[in-house]
Every structure is written in structure tokens, then in C-alpha cells.
Amino acid sequence: MRCVIASFPFDLVKGEVEQSMSGVEPEPVTGVSVTIGRRVYPVMQVGEVITRQDRRDFTSGEMRRALTRLGFTCHDAPPVAPAAQVRPDEGALGW
């Protein structure tokens, strides 16, 4: 499938993406992620591997769109844990 990522055209095939990511260890997920095989990768890591471009050259939206069109399942960023609540009668140091 032909995709344009960071103004460059790429002919991507699902099997080739799976093969490219087969020996790559997933980084910790902090944003949008994609499931490839049994592993979950950040979409920016996948984009860097399959396009051989720097992560600053493309967006997670471009990669998410391309990977979804190829048939991969993309996931939103994990929810952020809420900060600890400080009661009004306690000081800023929690005393």
C-alpha cells in the first residue's frame, strides 16, 4: 500500500512491517501504540524502523493512519495516573 509519511512516498506491506519489527525490542509505551504480532510498540518506534527516518520528521498521526490502513490495531495513549491529593489542612510537605 502506498503511504506518504513526512512528505515521502512509501510502499508498505503488512508482512514486511511485521518482518522488520520481528527482532526489535519494544520501548516503553508513553503515547499512541500499535500491536504487531504479540507485542505492543510505540508508533514512533515502528515509524523510525520502517521508514529509516528520524522520529522528528513525522508525526504519530501519520504513522497511526498508515498502520491502521495496513490492518494493524492502534491504541490511544495510556491514561495518566492522577497526582496524589493534598488535603487543605496539610502543608505542602504533607505534615
N, C-alpha and C. Protein backbone atom coordinates (compact mmCIF):
# COMPACT_ATOMS: atom_id res chain seq x y z
N MET A 1 0.84 -1.16 0.00
CA MET A 1 0.00 0.00 0.00
C MET A 1 0.90 1.24 0.00
N ARG A 2 0.54 2.20 -0.79
CA ARG A 2 1.32 3.42 -0.90
C ARG A 2 0.88 4.41 0.18
N CYS A 3 1.85 4.90 0.96
CA CYS A 3 1.59 5.88 2.02
C CYS A 3 2.57 7.03 1.87
N VAL A 4 2.14 8.21 2.26
CA VAL A 4 3.04 9.36 2.31
C VAL A 4 3.27 9.68 3.77
N ILE A 5 4.52 9.58 4.17
CA ILE A 5 4.92 9.87 5.55
C ILE A 5 6.06 10.87 5.50
N ALA A 6 5.86 12.01 6.15
CA ALA A 6 6.86 13.09 6.17
C ALA A 6 7.21 13.53 4.75
N SER A 7 6.20 13.63 3.92
CA SER A 7 6.32 14.08 2.52
C SER A 7 7.07 13.11 1.62
N PHE A 8 7.33 11.89 2.08
CA PHE A 8 7.99 10.90 1.26
C PHE A 8 7.05 9.72 1.01
N PRO A 9 6.96 9.25 -0.23
CA PRO A 9 6.09 8.09 -0.51
C PRO A 9 6.77 6.78 -0.11
N PHE A 10 5.98 5.89 0.47
CA PHE A 10 6.45 4.57 0.86
C PHE A 10 5.46 3.53 0.38
N ASP A 11 5.97 2.40 -0.12
CA ASP A 11 5.13 1.25 -0.46
C ASP A 11 5.27 0.26 0.69
N LEU A 12 4.26 0.23 1.57
CA LEU A 12 4.32 -0.61 2.76
C LEU A 12 3.42 -1.84 2.58
N VAL A 13 3.90 -2.97 3.06
CA VAL A 13 3.16 -4.22 3.04
C VAL A 13 3.14 -4.74 4.48
N LYS A 14 1.99 -5.24 4.92
CA LYS A 14 1.84 -5.68 6.31
C LYS A 14 2.89 -6.72 6.69
N GLY A 15 3.13 -7.69 5.83
CA GLY A 15 4.12 -8.73 6.13
C GLY A 15 5.52 -8.18 6.28
N GLU A 16 5.87 -7.18 5.48
CA GLU A 16 7.20 -6.58 5.56
C GLU A 16 7.37 -5.78 6.85
N VAL A 17 6.29 -5.11 7.29
CA VAL A 17 6.35 -4.38 8.55
C VAL A 17 6.54 -5.37 9.70
N GLU A 18 5.79 -6.48 9.69
CA GLU A 18 5.93 -7.50 10.72
C GLU A 18 7.35 -8.07 10.73
N GLN A 19 7.90 -8.30 9.56
CA GLN A 19 9.25 -8.85 9.46
C GLN A 19 10.28 -7.83 9.97
N SER A 20 10.10 -6.56 9.64
CA SER A 20 11.03 -5.53 10.09
C SER A 20 11.05 -5.39 11.61
N MET A 21 9.89 -5.62 12.24
CA MET A 21 9.79 -5.44 13.69
C MET A 21 10.05 -6.73 14.47
N SER A 22 10.30 -7.84 13.77
CA SER A 22 10.40 -9.13 14.44
C SER A 22 11.54 -9.22 15.44
N GLY A 23 12.66 -8.60 15.22
CA GLY A 23 13.78 -8.69 16.15
C GLY A 23 13.96 -7.46 17.01
N VAL A 24 12.98 -6.56 17.00
CA VAL A 24 13.11 -5.29 17.70
C VAL A 24 12.41 -5.38 19.05
N GLU A 25 13.11 -4.99 20.10
CA GLU A 25 12.55 -4.97 21.45
C GLU A 25 11.68 -3.72 21.61
N PRO A 26 10.43 -3.87 22.05
CA PRO A 26 9.55 -2.69 22.22
C PRO A 26 10.05 -1.75 23.31
N GLU A 27 9.96 -0.46 23.03
CA GLU A 27 10.27 0.55 24.03
C GLU A 27 9.05 0.74 24.94
N PRO A 28 9.23 1.36 26.10
CA PRO A 28 8.05 1.64 26.95
C PRO A 28 7.06 2.54 26.21
N VAL A 29 5.79 2.22 26.34
CA VAL A 29 4.74 2.98 25.64
C VAL A 29 4.34 4.18 26.47
N THR A 30 4.48 5.37 25.89
CA THR A 30 4.06 6.60 26.56
C THR A 30 3.01 7.35 25.75
N GLY A 31 2.83 6.97 24.50
CA GLY A 31 1.86 7.65 23.64
C GLY A 31 1.05 6.62 22.87
N VAL A 32 0.74 6.95 21.63
CA VAL A 32 -0.03 6.05 20.77
C VAL A 32 0.81 4.81 20.48
N SER A 33 0.16 3.64 20.53
CA SER A 33 0.89 2.38 20.31
C SER A 33 0.17 1.53 19.28
N VAL A 34 0.88 0.49 18.81
CA VAL A 34 0.34 -0.42 17.80
C VAL A 34 0.71 -1.84 18.19
N THR A 35 -0.20 -2.77 17.95
CA THR A 35 0.06 -4.17 18.21
C THR A 35 0.54 -4.83 16.93
N ILE A 36 1.74 -5.39 16.98
CA ILE A 36 2.31 -6.12 15.85
C ILE A 36 2.70 -7.49 16.38
N GLY A 37 2.02 -8.50 15.89
CA GLY A 37 2.21 -9.84 16.43
C GLY A 37 1.66 -9.88 17.85
N ARG A 38 2.50 -10.30 18.79
CA ARG A 38 2.09 -10.33 20.19
C ARG A 38 2.69 -9.20 21.00
N ARG A 39 3.32 -8.25 20.35
CA ARG A 39 4.00 -7.16 21.04
C ARG A 39 3.31 -5.83 20.77
N VAL A 40 3.46 -4.92 21.71
CA VAL A 40 2.90 -3.57 21.57
C VAL A 40 4.07 -2.59 21.49
N TYR A 41 4.12 -1.85 20.41
CA TYR A 41 5.19 -0.89 20.16
C TYR A 41 4.64 0.53 20.11
N PRO A 42 5.44 1.52 20.51
CA PRO A 42 5.05 2.91 20.23
C PRO A 42 5.07 3.13 18.71
N VAL A 43 4.09 3.85 18.18
CA VAL A 43 4.03 4.03 16.73
C VAL A 43 5.25 4.79 16.21
N MET A 44 5.83 5.65 17.03
CA MET A 44 7.01 6.38 16.58
C MET A 44 8.21 5.45 16.41
N GLN A 45 8.33 4.45 17.26
CA GLN A 45 9.41 3.47 17.12
C GLN A 45 9.23 2.68 15.83
N VAL A 46 8.00 2.25 15.56
CA VAL A 46 7.73 1.50 14.33
C VAL A 46 8.02 2.38 13.11
N GLY A 47 7.59 3.62 13.17
CA GLY A 47 7.84 4.54 12.06
C GLY A 47 9.32 4.73 11.78
N GLU A 48 10.10 4.84 12.82
CA GLU A 48 11.55 5.01 12.65
C GLU A 48 12.17 3.78 12.00
N VAL A 49 11.73 2.60 12.41
CA VAL A 49 12.30 1.37 11.87
C VAL A 49 11.90 1.17 10.41
N ILE A 50 10.63 1.34 10.08
CA ILE A 50 10.19 1.01 8.72
C ILE A 50 10.49 2.09 7.70
N THR A 51 10.61 3.36 8.13
CA THR A 51 10.92 4.43 7.17
C THR A 51 12.39 4.80 7.16
N ARG A 52 13.13 4.40 8.20
CA ARG A 52 14.54 4.77 8.38
C ARG A 52 14.72 6.29 8.44
N GLN A 53 13.70 6.96 8.97
CA GLN A 53 13.77 8.41 9.16
C GLN A 53 13.83 8.71 10.65
N ASP A 54 14.28 9.90 10.97
CA ASP A 54 14.30 10.34 12.35
C ASP A 54 12.86 10.56 12.83
N ARG A 55 12.61 10.28 14.09
CA ARG A 55 11.26 10.41 14.64
C ARG A 55 10.73 11.84 14.57
N ARG A 56 11.62 12.80 14.52
CA ARG A 56 11.18 14.20 14.45
C ARG A 56 10.65 14.57 13.08
N ASP A 57 10.86 13.70 12.08
CA ASP A 57 10.45 14.01 10.72
C ASP A 57 9.00 13.68 10.41
N PHE A 58 8.33 12.89 11.27
CA PHE A 58 6.94 12.52 11.02
C PHE A 58 6.17 12.58 12.32
N THR A 59 4.84 12.50 12.21
CA THR A 59 4.00 12.58 13.40
C THR A 59 3.42 11.22 13.74
N SER A 60 2.97 11.08 14.99
CA SER A 60 2.32 9.83 15.37
C SER A 60 1.01 9.65 14.62
N GLY A 61 0.36 10.75 14.26
CA GLY A 61 -0.87 10.68 13.47
C GLY A 61 -0.64 10.08 12.10
N GLU A 62 0.44 10.48 11.44
CA GLU A 62 0.77 9.92 10.13
C GLU A 62 1.01 8.42 10.23
N MET A 63 1.76 8.01 11.25
CA MET A 63 2.07 6.59 11.42
C MET A 63 0.84 5.80 11.82
N ARG A 64 0.03 6.36 12.67
CA ARG A 64 -1.20 5.66 13.10
C ARG A 64 -2.11 5.43 11.89
N ARG A 65 -2.26 6.44 11.07
CA ARG A 65 -3.11 6.32 9.88
C ARG A 65 -2.58 5.25 8.93
N ALA A 66 -1.27 5.25 8.69
CA ALA A 66 -0.68 4.27 7.78
C ALA A 66 -0.79 2.85 8.34
N LEU A 67 -0.50 2.68 9.63
CA LEU A 67 -0.55 1.35 10.22
C LEU A 67 -1.98 0.81 10.31
N THR A 68 -2.94 1.69 10.55
CA THR A 68 -4.35 1.28 10.58
C THR A 68 -4.79 0.84 9.19
N ARG A 69 -4.37 1.57 8.17
CA ARG A 69 -4.72 1.20 6.80
C ARG A 69 -4.11 -0.14 6.40
N LEU A 70 -2.97 -0.49 7.00
CA LEU A 70 -2.34 -1.78 6.73
C LEU A 70 -3.03 -2.93 7.47
N GLY A 71 -3.89 -2.60 8.44
CA GLY A 71 -4.62 -3.63 9.16
C GLY A 71 -4.14 -3.87 10.58
N PHE A 72 -3.23 -3.05 11.08
CA PHE A 72 -2.77 -3.20 12.45
C PHE A 72 -3.72 -2.48 13.41
N THR A 73 -3.74 -2.91 14.66
CA THR A 73 -4.59 -2.29 15.68
C THR A 73 -3.77 -1.26 16.45
N CYS A 74 -4.23 -0.02 16.41
CA CYS A 74 -3.56 1.06 17.14
C CYS A 74 -4.36 1.39 18.39
N HIS A 75 -3.64 1.84 19.43
CA HIS A 75 -4.24 2.14 20.71
C HIS A 75 -3.88 3.57 21.11
N ASP A 76 -4.82 4.24 21.79
CA ASP A 76 -4.55 5.58 22.30
C ASP A 76 -3.53 5.52 23.42
N ALA A 77 -3.03 6.68 23.79
CA ALA A 77 -2.05 6.76 24.87
C ALA A 77 -2.65 6.24 26.16
N PRO A 78 -1.86 5.55 27.00
CA PRO A 78 -2.39 5.07 28.27
C PRO A 78 -2.76 6.24 29.17
N PRO A 79 -3.78 6.08 30.01
CA PRO A 79 -4.18 7.18 30.89
C PRO A 79 -3.08 7.51 31.90
N VAL A 80 -3.00 8.77 32.25
CA VAL A 80 -2.00 9.24 33.21
C VAL A 80 -2.56 9.04 34.62
N ALA A 81 -1.75 8.51 35.51
CA ALA A 81 -2.18 8.32 36.89
C ALA A 81 -2.36 9.68 37.56
N PRO A 82 -3.45 9.86 38.32
CA PRO A 82 -3.66 11.16 38.97
C PRO A 82 -2.61 11.42 40.05
N ALA A 83 -2.30 12.68 40.24
CA ALA A 83 -1.33 13.06 41.26
C ALA A 83 -1.93 12.85 42.64
N ALA A 84 -1.09 12.67 43.62
CA ALA A 84 -1.56 12.48 44.99
C ALA A 84 -2.30 13.72 45.47
N GLN A 85 -3.42 13.52 46.13
CA GLN A 85 -4.22 14.63 46.64
C GLN A 85 -3.62 15.13 47.96
N VAL A 86 -3.48 16.44 48.09
CA VAL A 86 -3.02 17.04 49.33
C VAL A 86 -4.22 17.70 49.98
N ARG A 87 -4.49 17.32 51.23
CA ARG A 87 -5.63 17.90 51.94
C ARG A 87 -5.34 19.36 52.26
N PRO A 88 -6.38 20.20 52.28
CA PRO A 88 -6.17 21.63 52.56
C PRO A 88 -5.58 21.90 53.94
N ASP A 89 -5.85 21.01 54.91
CA ASP A 89 -5.32 21.25 56.26
C ASP A 89 -3.87 20.78 56.42
N GLU A 90 -3.32 20.16 55.39
CA GLU A 90 -1.92 19.74 55.42
C GLU A 90 -1.06 20.76 54.70
N GLY A 91 0.16 20.86 55.08
CA GLY A 91 1.08 21.74 54.39
C GLY A 91 1.52 21.13 53.08
N ALA A 92 2.27 21.87 52.31
CA ALA A 92 2.73 21.39 51.02
C ALA A 92 3.65 20.19 51.18
N LEU A 93 4.27 20.04 52.34
CA LEU A 93 5.16 18.90 52.57
C LEU A 93 4.43 17.70 53.15
N GLY A 94 3.12 17.80 53.38
CA GLY A 94 2.34 16.68 53.87
C GLY A 94 2.41 16.49 55.37
N TRP A 95 2.74 17.54 56.13
CA TRP A 95 2.82 17.42 57.58
C TRP A 95 1.49 17.57 58.21
